[in-house]
Protein backbone atom coordinates (compact mmCIF):
# COMPACT_ATOMS: atom_id res chain seq x y z
CA UNK A 1 -5.44 45.69 247.95
CA UNK A 2 -4.27 49.04 245.73
CA UNK A 3 -3.74 46.38 242.79
CA UNK A 4 -7.14 45.24 242.98
CA UNK A 5 -8.60 48.68 243.24
CA UNK A 6 -6.77 49.68 240.19
CA UNK A 7 -8.00 46.63 238.28
CA UNK A 8 -11.65 47.33 239.15
CA UNK A 9 -11.25 51.01 238.03
CA UNK A 10 -9.82 49.99 235.02
CA UNK A 11 -12.45 47.55 234.15
CA UNK A 12 -15.04 49.98 234.84
CA UNK A 13 -13.53 52.42 232.86
CA UNK A 14 -13.21 50.07 229.85
CA UNK A 15 -16.71 48.93 230.19
CA UNK A 16 -17.80 52.76 230.23
CA UNK A 17 -15.79 53.17 227.11
CA UNK A 18 -17.47 50.35 225.36
CA UNK A 19 -20.81 51.47 226.27
CA UNK A 20 -20.22 55.06 224.94
CA UNK A 21 -18.56 53.62 221.69
CA UNK A 22 -21.69 51.38 221.31
CA UNK A 23 -23.78 54.35 221.84
CA UNK A 24 -22.06 56.53 219.15
CA UNK A 25 -22.01 53.75 216.58
CA UNK A 26 -25.83 52.99 217.01
CA UNK A 27 -26.76 56.86 216.90
CA UNK A 28 -24.55 57.32 213.69
CA UNK A 29 -26.12 53.86 211.80
CA UNK A 30 -29.56 55.03 212.89
CA UNK A 31 -29.17 58.48 211.34
CA UNK A 32 -27.67 57.23 208.00
CA UNK A 33 -30.32 54.35 207.88
CA UNK A 34 -33.06 57.23 208.41
CA UNK A 35 -31.49 59.27 205.73
CA UNK A 36 -30.96 56.47 203.07
CA UNK A 37 -34.71 55.60 203.49
CA UNK A 38 -36.14 59.25 203.45
CA UNK A 39 -34.07 59.52 199.94
CA UNK A 40 -35.25 56.44 198.59
CA UNK A 41 -38.99 57.08 199.52
CA UNK A 42 -38.82 60.95 198.66
CA UNK A 43 -36.84 60.53 195.18
CA UNK A 44 -36.14 56.89 194.05
CA UNK A 45 -39.44 54.87 194.47
CA UNK A 46 -41.05 57.88 192.63
CA UNK A 47 -38.87 57.48 189.66
CA UNK A 48 -39.31 53.85 189.54
CA UNK A 49 -43.23 54.30 189.43
CA UNK A 50 -42.49 56.80 186.49
CA UNK A 51 -40.53 54.01 184.72
CA UNK A 52 -43.28 51.58 184.98
CA UNK A 53 -45.76 54.01 183.67
CA UNK A 54 -43.72 54.78 180.55
CA UNK A 55 -43.18 51.14 179.94
CA UNK A 56 -46.86 50.27 180.33
CA UNK A 57 -47.75 53.12 177.72
CA UNK A 58 -45.01 51.97 175.29
CA UNK A 59 -42.98 55.00 175.83
CA UNK A 60 -39.26 55.07 175.50
CA UNK A 61 -37.68 53.79 178.90
CA UNK A 62 -37.10 57.13 180.54
CA UNK A 63 -33.67 58.61 181.37
CA UNK A 64 -33.14 59.34 185.06
CA UNK A 65 -29.75 60.94 186.70
CA UNK A 66 -29.49 58.31 189.33
CA UNK A 67 -26.65 56.10 188.67
CA UNK A 68 -26.00 54.56 192.13
CA UNK A 69 -22.44 55.17 191.84
CA UNK A 70 -21.95 57.51 194.62
CA UNK A 71 -21.24 56.71 198.23
CA UNK A 72 -24.46 56.35 199.86
CA UNK A 73 -23.23 54.50 202.98
CA UNK A 74 -20.14 56.43 204.13
CA UNK A 75 -21.11 55.98 207.96
CA UNK A 76 -21.60 52.05 207.55
CA UNK A 77 -18.32 51.86 205.57
CA UNK A 78 -16.29 53.64 208.15
CA UNK A 79 -18.04 52.07 211.22
CA UNK A 80 -18.45 48.57 209.75
CA UNK A 81 -15.51 47.07 212.05
CA UNK A 82 -17.30 48.59 215.05
CA UNK A 83 -20.55 46.52 214.53
CA UNK A 84 -19.29 43.95 216.92
CA UNK A 85 -20.11 46.49 219.66
CA UNK A 86 -23.91 46.11 219.08
CA UNK A 87 -25.63 43.22 220.58
CA UNK A 88 -26.70 40.16 218.57
CA UNK A 89 -28.25 39.71 216.37
CA UNK A 90 -28.19 43.59 215.46
CA UNK A 91 -24.92 43.34 213.56
CA UNK A 92 -26.21 40.53 211.35
CA UNK A 93 -29.47 42.23 210.41
CA UNK A 94 -27.63 45.34 209.67
CA UNK A 95 -25.02 43.81 207.27
CA UNK A 96 -27.97 41.90 205.72
CA UNK A 97 -29.80 45.38 205.06
CA UNK A 98 -26.75 47.06 203.89
CA UNK A 99 -25.83 44.16 201.53
CA UNK A 100 -29.24 44.34 200.06
CA UNK A 101 -28.88 48.04 199.68
CA UNK A 102 -25.55 47.53 197.84
CA UNK A 103 -27.54 44.95 195.57
CA UNK A 104 -29.98 47.71 194.83
CA UNK A 105 -27.57 50.30 194.09
CA UNK A 106 -25.87 47.64 191.36
CA UNK A 107 -29.35 47.29 189.81
CA UNK A 108 -29.74 51.00 189.73
CA UNK A 109 -26.53 51.27 187.99
CA UNK A 110 -27.83 48.49 185.30
CA UNK A 111 -31.30 50.58 185.07
CA UNK A 112 -29.27 53.63 184.11
CA UNK A 113 -27.50 51.99 181.43
CA UNK A 114 -30.50 50.28 180.13
CA UNK A 115 -32.07 54.01 179.95
CA UNK A 116 -29.42 54.96 177.91
CA UNK A 117 -29.98 52.21 175.12
CA UNK A 118 -33.54 53.04 174.38
CA UNK A 119 -34.43 49.89 172.49
CA UNK A 120 -37.54 47.91 173.10
CA UNK A 121 -35.40 44.86 174.20
CA UNK A 122 -33.73 47.27 176.73
CA UNK A 123 -37.01 48.55 177.83
CA UNK A 124 -38.45 44.93 178.31
CA UNK A 125 -35.49 44.15 180.47
CA UNK A 126 -35.70 47.31 182.17
CA UNK A 127 -39.37 46.81 183.10
CA UNK A 128 -38.66 43.26 184.66
CA UNK A 129 -35.77 44.85 186.74
CA UNK A 130 -37.69 47.73 187.92
CA UNK A 131 -40.30 45.35 189.15
CA UNK A 132 -37.63 43.46 191.17
CA UNK A 133 -35.93 46.83 192.15
CA UNK A 134 -39.42 48.14 193.53
CA UNK A 135 -39.82 44.92 195.68
CA UNK A 136 -36.29 45.11 196.91
CA UNK A 137 -36.61 48.66 197.94
CA UNK A 138 -40.09 48.10 199.74
CA UNK A 139 -38.51 45.05 201.59
CA UNK A 140 -35.61 47.51 202.73
CA UNK A 141 -38.13 50.34 203.69
CA UNK A 142 -39.94 47.84 205.83
CA UNK A 143 -37.01 46.47 207.47
CA UNK A 144 -35.31 49.81 208.28
CA UNK A 145 -38.05 51.39 211.15
CA UNK A 146 -37.37 48.51 213.58
CA UNK A 147 -33.72 48.53 212.99
CA UNK A 148 -33.74 52.27 213.45
CA UNK A 149 -35.83 52.14 216.65
CA UNK A 150 -33.50 49.58 217.99
CA UNK A 151 -30.17 51.54 217.20
CA UNK A 152 -32.06 54.67 218.85
CA UNK A 153 -32.85 52.77 221.89
CA UNK A 154 -28.97 51.91 222.13
CA UNK A 155 -27.96 55.30 221.48
CA UNK A 156 -30.28 56.44 224.28
CA UNK A 157 -28.12 54.47 226.94
CA UNK A 158 -29.13 55.89 230.33
CA UNK A 159 -25.63 55.42 231.69
CA UNK A 160 -24.80 58.31 229.17
CA UNK A 161 -27.17 61.26 229.43
CA UNK A 162 -27.10 63.93 226.74
CA UNK A 163 -23.95 66.25 227.13
CA UNK A 164 -26.38 69.11 228.10
CA UNK A 165 -27.66 67.18 231.08
CA UNK A 166 -24.16 66.52 232.53
CA UNK A 167 -23.22 70.04 232.93
CA UNK A 168 -20.73 70.06 230.12
CA UNK A 169 -21.46 73.21 228.03
C-alpha cells in the first residue's frame, strides 16, 4: 500500500512540475513574441515604408541601420527544446512563426547590403524585396496575437496562481 501511495505522489509531483514548466515556457514565449511584434511595428515597418517612398520618387535607396544580425529571438532559442510541453498544434505554429521571422531577418540583411550599394539596379531589387518583406511582416504581425493569447492562457494556468496569491513573499 505504501508503494502505491509513493507512486501516486510521485506521479502527481511530475504532473505538477510539467504544468509549471509549460506555464513558464508559455509566459516567456508570449512576452518575446509581443516584444518582437512591438519592435517590428514601431521601428521596422516604418523603415520599410520610407524605403518604398524613396524608390517611388527615384531617390537613392535609403541606408538604414537595421541589419537583422542581432539575436532577436533568444528565448525561443533557449526554450526550443521545451516546445513539446505545449499542447498541439501550438509548437508547430510557433516553429512556423519563428522560421518565417528568421527568413525576414535574412531578407533584412540582404536589404542592408543593397542599401550600401546605391546603384539603380540595387534600388530596383531592393524595391521588390521591400514589397515582399512588408507582406511577410504583415503576415507575422497578423498571426502573432492569436499565438500570444493562447500562450498567455497557458501561462495563467489556474493550478498555479501567481506567487503573491500563494502567500510566498
